[in-house]
Amino acid sequence: MSGNARSAVTDVVVVGAGAAGLAAARRLQSANRSVVVVEASPRIGGRAFTESETFGFPFDHGCSWLQGPSSLPHIKLAEEAGFTLVDHSEPHGLLFTPDGPGGEAEIEAFDAVADRLAATLVAATEDVAADRCVDLSDPWAAAAATWVGAMDHGVDLFDLSTADFGVYGPYAVDALVREGLGALVARLAEGLPIRTDTAVTGIDWSGQGVTVRTTRGEIRARACIVTVSTGVLASGRIAFYPRLPAATQAAVDDLPMGLLTKIALKTDGNRFGLQDSSYLTRAIHEPLPARACFFLAFPAGWDLIVGFVGGRFGWELSRDGEEAAIDFALGELAGMLGNDVRRHVLRGRMTGWADDPLTLGAYAAARPGRYAARAALGQPLGQRVFFAGEALGGAYPALLSGAHLSGEAAAETVLEQLD
């Protein structure tokens, strides 16, 4: 899929071969439009990234859950290609207190405060910081808030927009992919004209069409769909000529990247009495944001316990490096399952989205009071430069499904302009 980008005239250039870029290119190709996808990385998929070299079985560094409406092509593709979707709509979970595993009373308390927290945020009538709406003095409320903020949205509750939380649509599918969600996404790239190792350095939209400047030359096109992260847009790695309008630049600034970092621990096959694909959560007694790591044990049946850290602590731990992160996760896991768990962990791996120059974070989160930035970023430039990606995911922001749907929607808009 790699190749040298030459000066050419095409209908549409798609910048980025992640979920949104692949979806846009597929739709354009199905309409018999000429399209070129340029990708800075040597691989496709973006933040949908599965590899098996680290542990000897598939590990999703980025998105792991296929969640969204029944219209997602991934569902049918998984069946046709022999992928295994493991339903995760009602996952099992265990709670832990400083004195050991929690019982029915603790589970009922956690479920009650988690439901109350979600209901309160959904019912919020103003777009404000989520921490303004809830009482977090209860240790289970603090644990639920850590899941909702740092580990679901990549930002802590004081950085989470209530509007961002309340927008999500229903899930017709909520599943892990045993062979890897990134591997499934990669199947959608088959037959597409993708040029990897081709970084975009500038987009000139001053004329009738666009000129996309890359590390392998220029590509001239009638339109361009930009699917890079808001972190990359904010970094200035891609120069726009003319510069981005003030409203677009403000939207980028109001959609900073949050961070969810995974710390994956490969085990020797011991299951510690845990069910596959189950969550491990501990009570939070320290002030938020907590230095906490919660876990998904043995996702889709693999010998792996995946720790999650996010928000401000996620950025901090990522700066400390992989060795420190693995040591911290082991300590958290030992606090839940007992110190003997350490001898059953064979190796660990921390994901690197914090430092990846092609993402600069995990996914976008609207600043409190700035949810409207998502719609503002979706406005095209001169009817020839369009934006797509998880930041424009509509009812499914931050999710693979939202990225895919936004790519399709951008392609539809471009097709209307080209006709």
Protein backbone atom coordinates (compact mmCIF):
# COMPACT_ATOMS: atom_id res chain seq x y z
CA MET A 1 0.00 0.00 0.00
CA SER A 2 3.00 2.28 0.06
CA GLY A 3 4.30 4.26 -2.88
CA ASN A 4 5.64 7.60 -3.97
CA ALA A 5 3.16 10.45 -4.11
CA ARG A 6 3.49 12.31 -7.38
CA SER A 7 1.99 15.53 -8.58
CA ALA A 8 -1.44 14.42 -9.72
CA VAL A 9 -5.03 15.51 -10.13
CA THR A 10 -7.59 13.42 -8.30
CA ASP A 11 -11.08 13.99 -7.02
CA VAL A 12 -10.29 13.69 -3.31
CA VAL A 13 -7.24 13.34 -1.10
CA VAL A 14 -7.93 11.72 2.27
CA VAL A 15 -5.38 12.58 4.97
CA GLY A 16 -5.02 9.68 7.38
CA ALA A 17 -5.69 5.96 7.05
CA GLY A 18 -7.43 5.46 10.37
CA ALA A 19 -11.07 4.49 10.81
CA ALA A 20 -12.44 7.78 9.48
CA GLY A 21 -10.08 7.93 6.52
CA LEU A 22 -10.79 4.37 5.46
CA ALA A 23 -14.54 4.92 5.74
CA ALA A 24 -14.37 8.08 3.65
CA ALA A 25 -12.21 6.46 0.98
CA ARG A 26 -14.49 3.41 0.75
CA ARG A 27 -17.54 5.60 0.24
CA LEU A 28 -15.82 7.74 -2.39
CA GLN A 29 -14.52 4.69 -4.21
CA SER A 30 -18.00 3.14 -4.21
CA ALA A 31 -19.24 6.29 -5.96
CA ASN A 32 -16.57 5.83 -8.66
CA ARG A 33 -14.61 8.89 -7.57
CA SER A 34 -10.84 8.92 -7.76
CA VAL A 35 -9.31 9.03 -4.29
CA VAL A 36 -5.84 8.89 -2.76
CA VAL A 37 -5.28 8.17 0.93
CA VAL A 38 -2.02 9.44 2.43
CA GLU A 39 -0.81 8.13 5.77
CA ALA A 40 2.25 9.33 7.70
CA SER A 41 2.70 6.02 9.50
CA PRO A 42 4.14 2.87 7.90
CA ARG A 43 0.95 1.08 8.90
CA ILE A 44 -2.78 1.66 8.46
CA GLY A 45 -5.49 1.84 11.09
CA GLY A 46 -4.45 4.86 13.12
CA ARG A 47 -5.56 4.37 16.70
CA ALA A 48 -7.04 1.00 15.76
CA PHE A 49 -3.81 -0.94 16.14
CA THR A 50 -3.48 -4.68 16.77
CA GLU A 51 -0.12 -6.44 17.03
CA SER A 52 0.89 -9.92 18.20
CA GLU A 53 4.65 -9.53 18.51
CA THR A 54 4.67 -8.34 22.13
CA PHE A 55 2.71 -11.15 23.76
CA GLY A 56 2.36 -13.80 21.07
CA PHE A 57 -1.36 -13.11 20.65
CA PRO A 58 -3.37 -10.08 19.48
CA PHE A 59 -3.19 -6.97 21.63
CA ASP A 60 -5.12 -3.80 20.79
CA HIS A 61 -3.00 -0.80 21.69
CA GLY A 62 -5.83 1.58 20.88
CA CYS A 63 -9.56 1.03 20.58
CA SER A 64 -10.64 -2.42 21.75
CA TRP A 65 -14.45 -2.32 21.74
CA LEU A 66 -16.70 -2.43 18.72
CA GLN A 67 -19.61 -0.33 19.96
CA GLY A 68 -22.30 1.44 18.01
CA PRO A 69 -25.23 1.07 15.65
CA SER A 70 -26.13 -1.98 13.58
CA SER A 71 -25.17 -0.15 10.37
CA LEU A 72 -21.44 -0.55 11.10
CA PRO A 73 -19.87 -2.63 8.30
CA HIS A 74 -17.46 -4.15 10.82
CA ILE A 75 -20.20 -6.43 12.13
CA LYS A 76 -20.85 -8.17 8.82
CA LEU A 77 -17.15 -8.12 7.94
CA ALA A 78 -16.27 -9.87 11.20
CA GLU A 79 -18.69 -12.69 10.39
CA GLU A 80 -17.48 -13.03 6.81
CA ALA A 81 -13.77 -12.91 7.71
CA GLY A 82 -14.01 -15.32 10.63
CA PHE A 83 -13.40 -12.82 13.42
CA THR A 84 -14.82 -13.61 16.86
CA LEU A 85 -17.00 -10.94 18.48
CA VAL A 86 -17.17 -11.46 22.24
CA ASP A 87 -20.27 -9.78 23.66
CA HIS A 88 -19.37 -7.33 26.42
CA SER A 89 -22.69 -5.60 26.93
CA GLU A 90 -23.09 -6.97 30.47
CA PRO A 91 -19.55 -7.52 31.76
CA HIS A 92 -18.80 -9.16 35.08
CA GLY A 93 -16.92 -7.07 37.61
CA LEU A 94 -15.28 -7.32 41.01
CA LEU A 95 -14.83 -4.57 43.56
CA PHE A 96 -12.02 -4.28 46.07
CA THR A 97 -11.71 -2.41 49.37
CA PRO A 98 -8.55 -1.95 51.45
CA ASP A 99 -9.70 -5.01 53.41
CA GLY A 100 -10.12 -7.25 50.38
CA PRO A 101 -12.79 -8.15 47.82
CA GLY A 102 -16.11 -6.41 48.24
CA GLY A 103 -19.32 -8.32 48.80
CA GLU A 104 -22.90 -7.83 47.72
CA ALA A 105 -23.28 -4.70 49.84
CA GLU A 106 -20.31 -3.04 48.16
CA ILE A 107 -21.51 -4.08 44.71
CA GLU A 108 -24.96 -2.63 45.39
CA ALA A 109 -23.40 0.60 46.70
CA PHE A 110 -21.15 0.97 43.68
CA ASP A 111 -23.92 0.22 41.20
CA ALA A 112 -26.22 2.74 42.91
CA VAL A 113 -23.72 5.59 42.88
CA ALA A 114 -22.58 4.78 39.33
CA ASP A 115 -26.18 4.87 38.09
CA ARG A 116 -26.82 8.09 40.01
CA LEU A 117 -23.68 9.69 38.60
CA ALA A 118 -24.62 8.80 35.02
CA ALA A 119 -28.21 9.98 35.46
CA THR A 120 -27.07 13.28 36.94
CA LEU A 121 -24.66 14.01 34.11
CA VAL A 122 -27.17 13.06 31.43
CA ALA A 123 -29.79 15.30 33.05
CA ALA A 124 -27.48 18.33 33.22
CA THR A 125 -29.12 21.26 31.44
CA GLU A 126 -25.93 23.29 31.08
CA ASP A 127 -22.61 22.42 29.50
CA VAL A 128 -20.40 22.60 32.59
CA ALA A 129 -17.59 20.64 34.20
CA ALA A 130 -18.95 17.30 35.36
CA ASP A 131 -17.49 17.59 38.86
CA ARG A 132 -19.82 20.53 39.55
CA CYS A 133 -22.84 18.24 39.35
CA VAL A 134 -21.94 15.37 41.65
CA ASP A 135 -20.92 14.55 45.21
CA LEU A 136 -17.67 12.61 45.16
CA SER A 137 -17.10 12.23 48.89
CA ASP A 138 -18.17 8.57 48.85
CA PRO A 139 -15.28 6.21 47.92
CA TRP A 140 -17.48 4.28 45.48
CA ALA A 141 -18.67 7.52 43.91
CA ALA A 142 -15.02 8.49 43.45
CA ALA A 143 -14.34 5.11 41.84
CA ALA A 144 -17.30 5.51 39.48
CA ALA A 145 -16.12 9.02 38.64
CA THR A 146 -12.65 7.69 37.83
CA TRP A 147 -14.15 5.21 35.37
CA VAL A 148 -16.43 7.85 33.81
CA GLY A 149 -13.82 10.56 33.56
CA ALA A 150 -10.22 9.43 33.33
CA MET A 151 -10.78 5.94 31.99
CA ASP A 152 -13.77 6.43 29.68
CA HIS A 153 -13.24 9.96 28.37
CA GLY A 154 -9.51 10.37 28.95
CA VAL A 155 -10.01 13.46 31.15
CA ASP A 156 -10.85 13.94 34.81
CA LEU A 157 -14.30 15.06 35.87
CA PHE A 158 -13.25 18.71 36.25
CA ASP A 159 -12.14 18.61 32.58
CA LEU A 160 -15.19 16.68 31.32
CA SER A 161 -18.04 18.48 29.59
CA THR A 162 -21.44 17.29 30.76
CA ALA A 163 -22.63 17.68 27.16
CA ASP A 164 -19.87 15.34 26.01
CA PHE A 165 -21.07 12.70 28.46
CA GLY A 166 -24.74 12.99 27.61
CA VAL A 167 -24.51 12.70 23.82
CA TYR A 168 -23.97 8.95 23.38
CA GLY A 169 -26.39 6.94 21.29
CA PRO A 170 -27.50 3.33 21.82
CA TYR A 171 -25.30 0.33 21.09
CA ALA A 172 -26.61 -2.41 18.83
CA VAL A 173 -23.21 -4.05 19.27
CA ASP A 174 -20.88 -3.90 22.28
CA ALA A 175 -18.12 -6.44 21.81
CA LEU A 176 -14.45 -7.22 22.08
CA VAL A 177 -12.78 -8.72 19.04
CA ARG A 178 -10.69 -11.74 19.93
CA GLU A 179 -8.45 -11.38 16.87
CA GLY A 180 -8.10 -7.64 17.51
CA LEU A 181 -10.27 -4.70 16.54
CA GLY A 182 -7.34 -3.10 14.75
CA ALA A 183 -6.93 -6.23 12.65
CA LEU A 184 -10.60 -6.06 11.71
CA VAL A 185 -10.33 -2.38 10.74
CA ALA A 186 -7.33 -3.19 8.56
CA ARG A 187 -9.55 -5.45 6.45
CA LEU A 188 -11.53 -2.37 5.41
CA ALA A 189 -8.40 -1.01 3.72
CA GLU A 190 -8.26 -3.80 1.16
CA GLY A 191 -8.46 -2.43 -2.37
CA LEU A 192 -7.96 1.20 -1.37
CA PRO A 193 -5.18 3.36 -2.88
CA ILE A 194 -3.20 4.11 0.29
CA ARG A 195 0.25 5.67 0.36
CA THR A 196 1.90 4.94 3.70
CA ASP A 197 5.04 6.65 5.02
CA THR A 198 3.68 9.81 3.40
CA ALA A 199 3.32 12.62 5.89
CA VAL A 200 1.28 15.68 4.98
CA THR A 201 3.11 18.92 5.73
CA GLY A 202 0.72 21.44 4.24
CA ILE A 203 -2.67 21.93 2.63
CA ASP A 204 -3.10 24.84 0.22
CA TRP A 205 -6.78 25.66 -0.24
CA SER A 206 -6.28 29.13 -1.68
CA GLY A 207 -7.27 28.21 -5.23
CA GLN A 208 -10.14 26.40 -6.90
CA GLY A 209 -9.12 23.01 -5.56
CA VAL A 210 -6.49 21.93 -3.04
CA THR A 211 -2.81 21.11 -3.15
CA VAL A 212 -1.71 18.65 -0.50
CA ARG A 213 2.01 18.87 0.24
CA THR A 214 3.60 15.67 1.48
CA THR A 215 7.04 14.34 2.25
CA ARG A 216 6.84 12.58 -1.13
CA GLY A 217 5.64 15.42 -3.26
CA GLU A 218 2.45 17.35 -3.98
CA ILE A 219 -0.99 16.01 -4.84
CA ARG A 220 -3.57 18.23 -6.50
CA ALA A 221 -7.22 17.45 -5.97
CA ARG A 222 -10.68 18.92 -6.12
CA ALA A 223 -11.24 18.35 -2.39
CA CYS A 224 -9.53 17.05 0.72
CA ILE A 225 -10.81 15.21 3.81
CA VAL A 226 -8.58 15.66 6.88
CA THR A 227 -8.94 12.92 9.50
CA VAL A 228 -5.93 13.53 11.77
CA SER A 229 -6.41 14.00 15.52
CA THR A 230 -7.11 17.37 17.07
CA GLY A 231 -3.74 16.93 18.77
CA VAL A 232 -2.01 16.93 15.40
CA LEU A 233 -4.11 19.86 14.18
CA ALA A 234 -3.21 21.85 17.29
CA SER A 235 0.49 21.03 16.95
CA GLY A 236 0.82 22.83 13.63
CA ARG A 237 2.47 19.81 11.99
CA ILE A 238 0.16 20.44 9.03
CA ALA A 239 0.29 24.03 7.77
CA PHE A 240 -2.81 25.44 6.11
CA TYR A 241 -2.63 28.06 3.36
CA PRO A 242 -4.46 30.32 4.08
CA ARG A 243 -4.38 29.71 7.83
CA LEU A 244 -7.30 28.05 9.52
CA PRO A 245 -10.15 30.50 10.12
CA ALA A 246 -10.41 31.77 13.68
CA ALA A 247 -13.55 29.72 14.35
CA THR A 248 -11.89 26.50 13.16
CA GLN A 249 -8.72 27.16 15.17
CA ALA A 250 -10.82 27.90 18.26
CA ALA A 251 -12.68 24.62 17.77
CA VAL A 252 -9.39 22.73 17.59
CA ASP A 253 -8.22 24.42 20.80
CA ASP A 254 -11.50 23.59 22.54
CA LEU A 255 -11.16 19.89 21.65
CA PRO A 256 -7.84 18.93 23.28
CA MET A 257 -6.72 15.34 23.36
CA GLY A 258 -7.47 13.29 26.44
CA LEU A 259 -5.42 10.27 27.34
CA LEU A 260 -6.17 6.67 28.19
CA THR A 261 -3.03 4.61 28.64
CA LYS A 262 -3.11 0.83 28.80
CA ILE A 263 -0.63 -1.14 30.87
CA ALA A 264 -0.96 -4.72 29.71
CA LEU A 265 0.38 -7.56 31.86
CA LYS A 266 0.85 -11.02 30.36
CA THR A 267 0.23 -13.84 32.81
CA ASP A 268 1.29 -17.47 32.92
CA GLY A 269 -2.23 -18.86 32.52
CA ASN A 270 -3.33 -18.57 36.15
CA ARG A 271 -6.82 -17.10 36.22
CA PHE A 272 -6.89 -16.17 39.95
CA GLY A 273 -10.54 -17.22 40.04
CA LEU A 274 -11.54 -14.43 37.65
CA GLN A 275 -13.93 -14.63 34.72
CA ASP A 276 -12.74 -13.73 31.25
CA SER A 277 -13.34 -10.12 30.19
CA SER A 278 -14.19 -8.99 33.72
CA TYR A 279 -13.47 -5.62 35.33
CA LEU A 280 -11.50 -5.05 38.53
CA THR A 281 -12.22 -1.81 40.40
CA ARG A 282 -11.05 -0.56 43.78
CA ALA A 283 -12.52 1.99 46.14
CA ILE A 284 -10.98 5.45 45.86
CA HIS A 285 -10.19 7.06 49.21
CA GLU A 286 -7.69 9.66 47.99
CA PRO A 287 -8.64 13.05 46.50
CA LEU A 288 -9.43 13.09 42.79
CA PRO A 289 -7.82 12.80 40.35
CA ALA A 290 -6.71 9.53 41.88
CA ARG A 291 -3.47 7.73 41.21
CA ALA A 292 -5.46 4.63 40.33
CA CYS A 293 -5.36 1.77 37.86
CA PHE A 294 -8.44 -0.33 37.12
CA PHE A 295 -8.28 -3.50 35.05
CA LEU A 296 -9.89 -5.65 32.38
CA ALA A 297 -8.94 -9.24 33.15
CA PHE A 298 -8.34 -11.75 30.36
CA PRO A 299 -10.07 -9.89 27.51
CA ALA A 300 -11.64 -12.28 25.01
CA GLY A 301 -9.91 -15.16 26.81
CA TRP A 302 -6.26 -14.14 26.34
CA ASP A 303 -3.69 -14.50 29.16
CA LEU A 304 -3.60 -10.76 29.72
CA ILE A 305 -4.70 -8.33 32.40
CA VAL A 306 -5.00 -4.83 30.98
CA GLY A 307 -4.67 -1.89 33.33
CA PHE A 308 -6.14 1.52 32.54
CA VAL A 309 -4.88 4.91 33.67
CA GLY A 310 -6.17 8.12 32.22
CA GLY A 311 -6.61 11.83 32.56
CA ARG A 312 -3.91 13.86 34.26
CA PHE A 313 -2.45 10.85 36.04
CA GLY A 314 -2.28 9.03 32.71
CA TRP A 315 -0.14 11.82 31.25
CA GLU A 316 2.05 11.82 34.38
CA LEU A 317 2.61 8.07 34.35
CA SER A 318 3.34 8.09 30.63
CA ARG A 319 6.07 10.66 31.23
CA ASP A 320 7.54 8.41 33.94
CA GLY A 321 8.07 5.69 31.35
CA GLU A 322 7.12 2.09 30.75
CA GLU A 323 9.08 0.53 33.59
CA ALA A 324 7.50 2.83 36.17
CA ALA A 325 4.05 2.28 34.67
CA ILE A 326 4.36 -1.51 34.80
CA ASP A 327 5.61 -1.34 38.37
CA PHE A 328 2.67 0.85 39.36
CA ALA A 329 0.12 -1.42 37.65
CA LEU A 330 1.60 -4.47 39.34
CA GLY A 331 1.30 -2.74 42.68
CA GLU A 332 -2.34 -1.89 42.04
CA LEU A 333 -3.09 -5.44 40.90
CA ALA A 334 -1.32 -6.91 43.93
CA GLY A 335 -3.40 -4.65 46.14
CA MET A 336 -6.50 -6.31 44.70
CA LEU A 337 -5.47 -9.95 44.18
CA GLY A 338 -2.63 -10.32 46.68
CA ASN A 339 1.13 -10.05 46.34
CA ASP A 340 1.44 -13.58 44.96
CA VAL A 341 0.05 -12.32 41.65
CA ARG A 342 3.44 -10.78 40.89
CA ARG A 343 5.13 -14.12 40.25
CA HIS A 344 2.48 -15.02 37.66
CA VAL A 345 3.09 -11.91 35.52
CA LEU A 346 5.59 -12.66 32.74
CA ARG A 347 5.96 -9.27 31.07
CA GLY A 348 4.25 -5.94 30.55
CA ARG A 349 3.73 -3.27 27.94
CA MET A 350 2.55 0.34 28.14
CA THR A 351 0.82 1.93 25.17
CA GLY A 352 2.43 5.07 23.80
CA TRP A 353 -0.34 7.38 22.60
CA ALA A 354 0.87 10.22 24.84
CA ASP A 355 4.13 10.53 22.91
CA ASP A 356 3.03 9.37 19.47
CA PRO A 357 3.57 12.39 17.19
CA LEU A 358 0.79 11.15 14.91
CA THR A 359 -1.84 11.31 17.66
CA LEU A 360 -0.50 13.27 20.68
CA GLY A 361 -3.12 11.66 22.89
CA ALA A 362 -5.88 9.08 22.76
CA TYR A 363 -9.04 10.93 21.73
CA ALA A 364 -10.57 14.38 21.87
CA ALA A 365 -12.60 15.71 24.79
CA ALA A 366 -14.52 18.98 24.62
CA ARG A 367 -13.61 21.52 27.27
CA PRO A 368 -16.47 22.21 29.70
CA GLY A 369 -18.74 24.80 28.14
CA ARG A 370 -17.26 24.20 24.69
CA TYR A 371 -19.17 21.20 23.39
CA ALA A 372 -20.27 23.27 20.38
CA ALA A 373 -16.66 23.07 19.17
CA ARG A 374 -17.41 19.65 17.72
CA ALA A 375 -19.94 21.11 15.30
CA ALA A 376 -17.69 24.10 14.58
CA LEU A 377 -14.80 21.83 13.59
CA GLY A 378 -17.12 20.06 11.19
CA GLN A 379 -17.55 23.17 9.05
CA PRO A 380 -15.66 22.83 5.73
CA LEU A 381 -13.11 25.31 4.46
CA GLY A 382 -14.20 26.87 1.19
CA GLN A 383 -16.26 23.78 0.36
CA ARG A 384 -13.06 21.93 -0.47
CA VAL A 385 -11.39 21.01 2.85
CA PHE A 386 -13.46 18.82 5.13
CA PHE A 387 -12.76 17.32 8.55
CA ALA A 388 -13.63 13.91 9.98
CA GLY A 389 -12.56 11.66 12.84
CA GLU A 390 -13.58 10.56 16.30
CA ALA A 391 -13.73 14.21 17.42
CA LEU A 392 -16.62 14.56 14.95
CA GLY A 393 -18.21 11.26 15.90
CA GLY A 394 -21.71 12.64 16.48
CA ALA A 395 -23.52 10.34 18.90
CA TYR A 396 -20.37 8.20 19.29
CA PRO A 397 -17.46 10.57 20.02
CA ALA A 398 -14.08 9.05 20.92
CA LEU A 399 -15.21 5.68 19.54
CA LEU A 400 -14.18 3.76 16.46
CA SER A 401 -17.81 3.80 15.34
CA GLY A 402 -17.97 7.59 15.59
CA ALA A 403 -14.79 7.96 13.56
CA HIS A 404 -16.11 5.60 10.89
CA LEU A 405 -19.49 7.31 10.68
CA SER A 406 -17.89 10.75 10.48
CA GLY A 407 -15.71 9.58 7.60
CA GLU A 408 -18.75 8.33 5.72
CA ALA A 409 -20.62 11.58 6.41
CA ALA A 410 -17.72 13.72 5.19
CA ALA A 411 -17.51 11.65 2.01
CA GLU A 412 -21.23 12.13 1.39
CA THR A 413 -20.83 15.89 1.74
CA VAL A 414 -17.89 15.90 -0.65
CA LEU A 415 -19.85 13.90 -3.19
CA GLU A 416 -22.61 16.50 -3.08
CA GLN A 417 -20.03 19.20 -3.77
CA LEU A 418 -18.42 17.29 -6.64
CA ASP A 419 -21.70 16.59 -8.43
